[in-house]
Amino acid sequence: MSMLDIFAWLVLIVLLFSTITVVVLAAMLPGMIARRRGHPWATAVSVGGWVTLFLGFVLWPVVLIWAYVDAPVRPAGDAEAVR
């Protein structure tokens, strides 16, 4: 094995670990944003981020937007809030 082959393997390993790191961070991002913003469904947003990992990140932008959108707050005297 020549020095060029060793360098090629090293570059391949670094790219592999970098790709895995970026994918994992992208899957964690919506959940981290939702928790930091105090989202009422932060756990669901976090699960959605990881589920999109297995779906090829097709719905990842939707989950990322969901992390930024808060649910409307109902007034305290609302009749439906009692149910």
PDB file of N, CA and C in Angstrom:
ATOM      1  N   MET A   1       0.834  -1.168   0.000  1.00  0.00           N
ATOM      2  CA  MET A   1       0.000   0.000   0.000  1.00  0.00           C
ATOM      3  C   MET A   1       0.890   1.247   0.000  1.00  0.00           C
ATOM      4  N   SER A   2       0.615   2.113  -0.917  1.00  0.00           N
ATOM      5  CA  SER A   2       1.431   3.318  -1.018  1.00  0.00           C
ATOM      6  C   SER A   2       0.882   4.410  -0.096  1.00  0.00           C
ATOM      7  N   MET A   3       1.637   5.467   0.021  1.00  0.00           N
ATOM      8  CA  MET A   3       1.213   6.598   0.842  1.00  0.00           C
ATOM      9  C   MET A   3      -0.077   7.224   0.310  1.00  0.00           C
ATOM     10  N   LEU A   4      -0.244   7.227  -0.995  1.00  0.00           N
ATOM     11  CA  LEU A   4      -1.452   7.773  -1.602  1.00  0.00           C
ATOM     12  C   LEU A   4      -2.680   6.934  -1.226  1.00  0.00           C
ATOM     13  N   ASP A   5      -2.533   5.621  -1.174  1.00  0.00           N
ATOM     14  CA  ASP A   5      -3.638   4.759  -0.763  1.00  0.00           C
ATOM     15  C   ASP A   5      -4.027   5.006   0.695  1.00  0.00           C
ATOM     16  N   ILE A   6      -3.049   5.148   1.545  1.00  0.00           N
ATOM     17  CA  ILE A   6      -3.312   5.419   2.959  1.00  0.00           C
ATOM     18  C   ILE A   6      -4.022   6.767   3.110  1.00  0.00           C
ATOM     19  N   PHE A   7      -3.576   7.751   2.381  1.00  0.00           N
ATOM     20  CA  PHE A   7      -4.211   9.070   2.420  1.00  0.00           C
ATOM     21  C   PHE A   7      -5.663   8.985   1.927  1.00  0.00           C
ATOM     22  N   ALA A   8      -5.897   8.205   0.888  1.00  0.00           N
ATOM     23  CA  ALA A   8      -7.247   8.048   0.349  1.00  0.00           C
ATOM     24  C   ALA A   8      -8.163   7.388   1.381  1.00  0.00           C
ATOM     25  N   TRP A   9      -7.664   6.365   2.074  1.00  0.00           N
ATOM     26  CA  TRP A   9      -8.461   5.724   3.117  1.00  0.00           C
ATOM     27  C   TRP A   9      -8.740   6.674   4.277  1.00  0.00           C
ATOM     28  N   LEU A  10      -7.768   7.468   4.638  1.00  0.00           N
ATOM     29  CA  LEU A  10      -7.941   8.439   5.714  1.00  0.00           C
ATOM     30  C   LEU A  10      -9.010   9.473   5.346  1.00  0.00           C
ATOM     31  N   VAL A  11      -8.951   9.974   4.132  1.00  0.00           N
ATOM     32  CA  VAL A  11      -9.954  10.929   3.662  1.00  0.00           C
ATOM     33  C   VAL A  11     -11.342  10.277   3.642  1.00  0.00           C
ATOM     34  N   LEU A  12     -11.426   9.031   3.210  1.00  0.00           N
ATOM     35  CA  LEU A  12     -12.701   8.321   3.172  1.00  0.00           C
ATOM     36  C   LEU A  12     -13.283   8.154   4.574  1.00  0.00           C
ATOM     37  N   ILE A  13     -12.462   7.813   5.537  1.00  0.00           N
ATOM     38  CA  ILE A  13     -12.922   7.630   6.915  1.00  0.00           C
ATOM     39  C   ILE A  13     -13.382   8.962   7.506  1.00  0.00           C
ATOM     40  N   VAL A  14     -12.635  10.023   7.263  1.00  0.00           N
ATOM     41  CA  VAL A  14     -13.019  11.342   7.769  1.00  0.00           C
ATOM     42  C   VAL A  14     -14.340  11.781   7.147  1.00  0.00           C
ATOM     43  N   LEU A  15     -14.529  11.577   5.861  1.00  0.00           N
ATOM     44  CA  LEU A  15     -15.786  11.937   5.207  1.00  0.00           C
ATOM     45  C   LEU A  15     -16.957  11.114   5.730  1.00  0.00           C
ATOM     46  N   LEU A  16     -16.726   9.844   6.003  1.00  0.00           N
ATOM     47  CA  LEU A  16     -17.769   8.979   6.535  1.00  0.00           C
ATOM     48  C   LEU A  16     -18.227   9.467   7.910  1.00  0.00           C
ATOM     49  N   PHE A  17     -17.271   9.724   8.806  1.00  0.00           N
ATOM     50  CA  PHE A  17     -17.623  10.216  10.140  1.00  0.00           C
ATOM     51  C   PHE A  17     -18.258  11.600  10.086  1.00  0.00           C
ATOM     52  N   SER A  18     -17.804  12.442   9.183  1.00  0.00           N
ATOM     53  CA  SER A  18     -18.390  13.778   9.040  1.00  0.00           C
ATOM     54  C   SER A  18     -19.838  13.686   8.557  1.00  0.00           C
ATOM     55  N   THR A  19     -20.098  12.817   7.623  1.00  0.00           N
ATOM     56  CA  THR A  19     -21.452  12.638   7.106  1.00  0.00           C
ATOM     57  C   THR A  19     -22.385  12.120   8.192  1.00  0.00           C
ATOM     58  N   ILE A  20     -21.924  11.141   8.955  1.00  0.00           N
ATOM     59  CA  ILE A  20     -22.739  10.605  10.047  1.00  0.00           C
ATOM     60  C   ILE A  20     -23.029  11.686  11.078  1.00  0.00           C
ATOM     61  N   THR A  21     -22.025  12.486  11.406  1.00  0.00           N
ATOM     62  CA  THR A  21     -22.203  13.557  12.384  1.00  0.00           C
ATOM     63  C   THR A  21     -23.214  14.590  11.902  1.00  0.00           C
ATOM     64  N   VAL A  22     -23.132  14.982  10.654  1.00  0.00           N
ATOM     65  CA  VAL A  22     -24.060  15.980  10.107  1.00  0.00           C
ATOM     66  C   VAL A  22     -25.491  15.432  10.086  1.00  0.00           C
ATOM     67  N   VAL A  23     -25.661  14.181   9.731  1.00  0.00           N
ATOM     68  CA  VAL A  23     -27.001  13.586   9.685  1.00  0.00           C
ATOM     69  C   VAL A  23     -27.596  13.505  11.089  1.00  0.00           C
ATOM     70  N   VAL A  24     -26.803  13.097  12.070  1.00  0.00           N
ATOM     71  CA  VAL A  24     -27.298  12.999  13.443  1.00  0.00           C
ATOM     72  C   VAL A  24     -27.632  14.388  13.993  1.00  0.00           C
ATOM     73  N   LEU A  25     -26.783  15.366  13.738  1.00  0.00           N
ATOM     74  CA  LEU A  25     -27.068  16.726  14.207  1.00  0.00           C
ATOM     75  C   LEU A  25     -28.316  17.301  13.535  1.00  0.00           C
ATOM     76  N   ALA A  26     -28.500  16.996  12.267  1.00  0.00           N
ATOM     77  CA  ALA A  26     -29.698  17.474  11.564  1.00  0.00           C
ATOM     78  C   ALA A  26     -30.954  16.817  12.131  1.00  0.00           C
ATOM     79  N   ALA A  27     -30.863  15.552  12.541  1.00  0.00           N
ATOM     80  CA  ALA A  27     -32.016  14.877  13.134  1.00  0.00           C
ATOM     81  C   ALA A  27     -32.318  15.425  14.525  1.00  0.00           C
ATOM     82  N   MET A  28     -31.297  15.864  15.252  1.00  0.00           N
ATOM     83  CA  MET A  28     -31.474  16.401  16.597  1.00  0.00           C
ATOM     84  C   MET A  28     -31.920  17.862  16.607  1.00  0.00           C
ATOM     85  N   LEU A  29     -31.658  18.592  15.548  1.00  0.00           N
ATOM     86  CA  LEU A  29     -31.873  20.040  15.510  1.00  0.00           C
ATOM     87  C   LEU A  29     -33.309  20.477  15.820  1.00  0.00           C
ATOM     88  N   PRO A  30     -34.349  19.911  15.189  1.00  0.00           N
ATOM     89  CA  PRO A  30     -35.705  20.376  15.502  1.00  0.00           C
ATOM     90  C   PRO A  30     -36.076  20.180  16.971  1.00  0.00           C
ATOM     91  N   GLY A  31     -35.686  19.070  17.553  1.00  0.00           N
ATOM     92  CA  GLY A  31     -35.983  18.822  18.957  1.00  0.00           C
ATOM     93  C   GLY A  31     -35.267  19.783  19.885  1.00  0.00           C
ATOM     94  N   MET A  32     -34.012  20.091  19.573  1.00  0.00           N
ATOM     95  CA  MET A  32     -33.258  21.036  20.395  1.00  0.00           C
ATOM     96  C   MET A  32     -33.883  22.429  20.316  1.00  0.00           C
ATOM     97  N   ILE A  33     -34.290  22.833  19.126  1.00  0.00           N
ATOM     98  CA  ILE A  33     -34.919  24.150  18.951  1.00  0.00           C
ATOM     99  C   ILE A  33     -36.240  24.197  19.711  1.00  0.00           C
ATOM    100  N   ALA A  34     -37.040  23.140  19.602  1.00  0.00           N
ATOM    101  CA  ALA A  34     -38.342  23.120  20.275  1.00  0.00           C
ATOM    102  C   ALA A  34     -38.175  23.178  21.792  1.00  0.00           C
ATOM    103  N   ARG A  35     -37.220  22.438  22.343  1.00  0.00           N
ATOM    104  CA  ARG A  35     -36.996  22.470  23.788  1.00  0.00           C
ATOM    105  C   ARG A  35     -36.515  23.837  24.251  1.00  0.00           C
ATOM    106  N   ARG A  36     -35.623  24.429  23.487  1.00  0.00           N
ATOM    107  CA  ARG A  36     -35.080  25.736  23.843  1.00  0.00           C
ATOM    108  C   ARG A  36     -36.164  26.814  23.803  1.00  0.00           C
ATOM    109  N   ARG A  37     -37.118  26.689  22.894  1.00  0.00           N
ATOM    110  CA  ARG A  37     -38.186  27.682  22.775  1.00  0.00           C
ATOM    111  C   ARG A  37     -39.368  27.383  23.691  1.00  0.00           C
ATOM    112  N   GLY A  38     -39.337  26.268  24.417  1.00  0.00           N
ATOM    113  CA  GLY A  38     -40.437  25.913  25.317  1.00  0.00           C
ATOM    114  C   GLY A  38     -41.683  25.466  24.580  1.00  0.00           C
ATOM    115  N   HIS A  39     -41.507  24.767  23.476  1.00  0.00           N
ATOM    116  CA  HIS A  39     -42.629  24.297  22.666  1.00  0.00           C
ATOM    117  C   HIS A  39     -43.459  23.298  23.472  1.00  0.00           C
ATOM    118  N   PRO A  40     -44.800  23.386  23.404  1.00  0.00           N
ATOM    119  CA  PRO A  40     -45.638  22.469  24.185  1.00  0.00           C
ATOM    120  C   PRO A  40     -45.492  21.005  23.763  1.00  0.00           C
ATOM    121  N   TRP A  41     -45.131  20.752  22.521  1.00  0.00           N
ATOM    122  CA  TRP A  41     -44.959  19.383  22.034  1.00  0.00           C
ATOM    123  C   TRP A  41     -43.513  19.139  21.630  1.00  0.00           C
ATOM    124  N   ALA A  42     -42.593  19.538  22.485  1.00  0.00           N
ATOM    125  CA  ALA A  42     -41.167  19.411  22.167  1.00  0.00           C
ATOM    126  C   ALA A  42     -40.754  17.955  21.970  1.00  0.00           C
ATOM    127  N   THR A  43     -41.338  17.052  22.732  1.00  0.00           N
ATOM    128  CA  THR A  43     -40.998  15.631  22.578  1.00  0.00           C
ATOM    129  C   THR A  43     -41.452  15.117  21.222  1.00  0.00           C
ATOM    130  N   ALA A  44     -42.639  15.502  20.799  1.00  0.00           N
ATOM    131  CA  ALA A  44     -43.144  15.067  19.496  1.00  0.00           C
ATOM    132  C   ALA A  44     -42.300  15.643  18.359  1.00  0.00           C
ATOM    133  N   VAL A  45     -41.857  16.869  18.506  1.00  0.00           N
ATOM    134  CA  VAL A  45     -40.992  17.474  17.483  1.00  0.00           C
ATOM    135  C   VAL A  45     -39.668  16.720  17.422  1.00  0.00           C
ATOM    136  N   SER A  46     -39.138  16.359  18.583  1.00  0.00           N
ATOM    137  CA  SER A  46     -37.884  15.613  18.627  1.00  0.00           C
ATOM    138  C   SER A  46     -38.031  14.244  17.957  1.00  0.00           C
ATOM    139  N   VAL A  47     -39.120  13.556  18.258  1.00  0.00           N
ATOM    140  CA  VAL A  47     -39.377  12.257  17.618  1.00  0.00           C
ATOM    141  C   VAL A  47     -39.542  12.428  16.115  1.00  0.00           C
ATOM    142  N   GLY A  48     -40.229  13.487  15.708  1.00  0.00           N
ATOM    143  CA  GLY A  48     -40.397  13.752  14.278  1.00  0.00           C
ATOM    144  C   GLY A  48     -39.076  13.977  13.575  1.00  0.00           C
ATOM    145  N   GLY A  49     -38.146  14.641  14.238  1.00  0.00           N
ATOM    146  CA  GLY A  49     -36.823  14.840  13.655  1.00  0.00           C
ATOM    147  C   GLY A  49     -36.089  13.526  13.421  1.00  0.00           C
ATOM    148  N   TRP A  50     -36.220  12.598  14.385  1.00  0.00           N
ATOM    149  CA  TRP A  50     -35.559  11.301  14.228  1.00  0.00           C
ATOM    150  C   TRP A  50     -36.277  10.399  13.228  1.00  0.00           C
ATOM    151  N   VAL A  51     -37.603  10.505  13.162  1.00  0.00           N
ATOM    152  CA  VAL A  51     -38.359   9.688  12.200  1.00  0.00           C
ATOM    153  C   VAL A  51     -38.004  10.086  10.771  1.00  0.00           C
ATOM    154  N   THR A  52     -37.830  11.383  10.544  1.00  0.00           N
ATOM    155  CA  THR A  52     -37.469  11.814   9.198  1.00  0.00           C
ATOM    156  C   THR A  52     -36.086  11.329   8.795  1.00  0.00           C
ATOM    157  N   LEU A  53     -35.258  10.980   9.776  1.00  0.00           N
ATOM    158  CA  LEU A  53     -33.947  10.396   9.473  1.00  0.00           C
ATOM    159  C   LEU A  53     -34.117   9.100   8.683  1.00  0.00           C
ATOM    160  N   PHE A  54     -35.118   8.302   9.067  1.00  0.00           N
ATOM    161  CA  PHE A  54     -35.352   7.030   8.386  1.00  0.00           C
ATOM    162  C   PHE A  54     -36.167   7.191   7.106  1.00  0.00           C
ATOM    163  N   LEU A  55     -36.813   8.349   6.946  1.00  0.00           N
ATOM    164  CA  LEU A  55     -37.589   8.611   5.733  1.00  0.00           C
ATOM    165  C   LEU A  55     -36.790   9.405   4.706  1.00  0.00           C
ATOM    166  N   GLY A  56     -35.519   9.554   4.927  1.00  0.00           N
ATOM    167  CA  GLY A  56     -34.677  10.263   3.972  1.00  0.00           C
ATOM    168  C   GLY A  56     -34.795  11.769   4.064  1.00  0.00           C
ATOM    169  N   PHE A  57     -35.170  12.301   5.202  1.00  0.00           N
ATOM    170  CA  PHE A  57     -35.294  13.739   5.447  1.00  0.00           C
ATOM    171  C   PHE A  57     -36.309  14.413   4.531  1.00  0.00           C
ATOM    172  N   VAL A  58     -37.300  13.645   4.048  1.00  0.00           N
ATOM    173  CA  VAL A  58     -38.305  14.222   3.159  1.00  0.00           C
ATOM    174  C   VAL A  58     -39.169  15.229   3.918  1.00  0.00           C
ATOM    175  N   LEU A  59     -39.580  14.898   5.131  1.00  0.00           N
ATOM    176  CA  LEU A  59     -40.454  15.774   5.914  1.00  0.00           C
ATOM    177  C   LEU A  59     -39.681  16.609   6.932  1.00  0.00           C
ATOM    178  N   TRP A  60     -38.362  16.608   6.868  1.00  0.00           N
ATOM    179  CA  TRP A  60     -37.546  17.341   7.831  1.00  0.00           C
ATOM    180  C   TRP A  60     -37.838  18.837   7.837  1.00  0.00           C
ATOM    181  N   PRO A  61     -38.032  19.488   6.683  1.00  0.00           N
ATOM    182  CA  PRO A  61     -38.374  20.919   6.732  1.00  0.00           C
ATOM    183  C   PRO A  61     -39.690  21.188   7.461  1.00  0.00           C
ATOM    184  N   VAL A  62     -40.656  20.281   7.351  1.00  0.00           N
ATOM    185  CA  VAL A  62     -41.929  20.451   8.043  1.00  0.00           C
ATOM    186  C   VAL A  62     -41.717  20.373   9.554  1.00  0.00           C
ATOM    187  N   VAL A  63     -40.903  19.428  10.003  1.00  0.00           N
ATOM    188  CA  VAL A  63     -40.624  19.281  11.432  1.00  0.00           C
ATOM    189  C   VAL A  63     -39.836  20.485  11.940  1.00  0.00           C
ATOM    190  N   LEU A  64     -38.942  21.006  11.136  1.00  0.00           N
ATOM    191  CA  LEU A  64     -38.168  22.178  11.536  1.00  0.00           C
ATOM    192  C   LEU A  64     -39.084  23.403  11.689  1.00  0.00           C
ATOM    193  N   ILE A  65     -40.026  23.574  10.785  1.00  0.00           N
ATOM    194  CA  ILE A  65     -40.996  24.673  10.904  1.00  0.00           C
ATOM    195  C   ILE A  65     -41.873  24.458  12.136  1.00  0.00           C
ATOM    196  N   TRP A  66     -42.254  23.214  12.397  1.00  0.00           N
ATOM    197  CA  TRP A  66     -43.077  22.881  13.555  1.00  0.00           C
ATOM    198  C   TRP A  66     -42.358  23.249  14.858  1.00  0.00           C
ATOM    199  N   ALA A  67     -41.046  23.124  14.865  1.00  0.00           N
ATOM    200  CA  ALA A  67     -40.276  23.477  16.061  1.00  0.00           C
ATOM    201  C   ALA A  67     -40.372  24.969  16.364  1.00  0.00           C
ATOM    202  N   TYR A  68     -40.575  25.780  15.363  1.00  0.00           N
ATOM    203  CA  TYR A  68     -40.665  27.228  15.549  1.00  0.00           C
ATOM    204  C   TYR A  68     -42.084  27.726  15.794  1.00  0.00           C
ATOM    205  N   VAL A  69     -43.086  26.920  15.461  1.00  0.00           N
ATOM    206  CA  VAL A  69     -44.479  27.338  15.584  1.00  0.00           C
ATOM    207  C   VAL A  69     -45.006  26.868  16.940  1.00  0.00           C
ATOM    208  N   ASP A  70     -45.527  27.804  17.724  1.00  0.00           N
ATOM    209  CA  ASP A  70     -46.126  27.464  19.008  1.00  0.00           C
ATOM    210  C   ASP A  70     -47.622  27.279  18.846  1.00  0.00           C
ATOM    211  N   ALA A  71     -48.205  26.467  19.728  1.00  0.00           N
ATOM    212  CA  ALA A  71     -49.646  26.268  19.707  1.00  0.00           C
ATOM    213  C   ALA A  71     -50.319  27.509  20.279  1.00  0.00           C
ATOM    214  N   PRO A  72     -51.484  27.865  19.776  1.00  0.00           N
ATOM    215  CA  PRO A  72     -52.172  29.041  20.323  1.00  0.00           C
ATOM    216  C   PRO A  72     -52.590  28.792  21.769  1.00  0.00           C
ATOM    217  N   VAL A  73     -52.465  29.811  22.583  1.00  0.00           N
ATOM    218  CA  VAL A  73     -52.835  29.711  23.995  1.00  0.00           C
ATOM    219  C   VAL A  73     -54.320  30.022  24.125  1.00  0.00           C
ATOM    220  N   ARG A  74     -55.048  29.147  24.818  1.00  0.00           N
ATOM    221  CA  ARG A  74     -56.482  29.357  25.016  1.00  0.00           C
ATOM    222  C   ARG A  74     -56.694  30.233  26.250  1.00  0.00           C
ATOM    223  N   PRO A  75     -57.699  31.072  26.200  1.00  0.00           N
ATOM    224  CA  PRO A  75     -58.008  31.888  27.386  1.00  0.00           C
ATOM    225  C   PRO A  75     -58.426  30.997  28.552  1.00  0.00           C
ATOM    226  N   ALA A  76     -58.229  31.467  29.768  1.00  0.00           N
ATOM    227  CA  ALA A  76     -58.520  30.666  30.968  1.00  0.00           C
ATOM    228  C   ALA A  76     -60.004  30.360  31.101  1.00  0.00           C
ATOM    229  N   GLY A  77     -60.881  31.223  30.636  1.00  0.00           N
ATOM    230  CA  GLY A  77     -62.323  31.017  30.770  1.00  0.00           C
ATOM    231  C   GLY A  77     -62.943  30.246  29.618  1.00  0.00           C
ATOM    232  N   ASP A  78     -62.156  29.710  28.727  1.00  0.00           N
ATOM    233  CA  ASP A  78     -62.681  29.003  27.552  1.00  0.00           C
ATOM    234  C   ASP A  78     -63.364  27.718  27.996  1.00  0.00           C
ATOM    235  N   ALA A  79     -64.570  27.469  27.473  1.00  0.00           N
ATOM    236  CA  ALA A  79     -65.346  26.287  27.871  1.00  0.00           C
ATOM    237  C   ALA A  79     -64.686  24.999  27.391  1.00  0.00           C
ATOM    238  N   GLU A  80     -64.058  25.017  26.244  1.00  0.00           N
ATOM    239  CA  GLU A  80     -63.435  23.797  25.730  1.00  0.00           C
ATOM    240  C   GLU A  80     -62.176  23.425  26.479  1.00  0.00           C
ATOM    241  N   ALA A  81     -61.564  24.358  27.179  1.00  0.00           N
ATOM    242  CA  ALA A  81     -60.356  24.054  27.934  1.00  0.00           C
ATOM    243  C   ALA A  81     -60.670  23.161  29.121  1.00  0.00           C
ATOM    244  N   VAL A  82     -61.940  23.152  29.577  1.00  0.00           N
ATOM    245  CA  VAL A  82     -62.327  22.361  30.735  1.00  0.00           C
ATOM    246  C   VAL A  82     -62.478  20.895  30.346  1.00  0.00           C
ATOM    247  N   ARG A  83     -62.876  20.628  29.130  1.00  0.00           N
ATOM    248  CA  ARG A  83     -63.131  19.248  28.694  1.00  0.00           C
ATOM    249  C   ARG A  83     -61.914  18.436  28.670  1.00  0.00           C
TER     250      ARG A  83
END
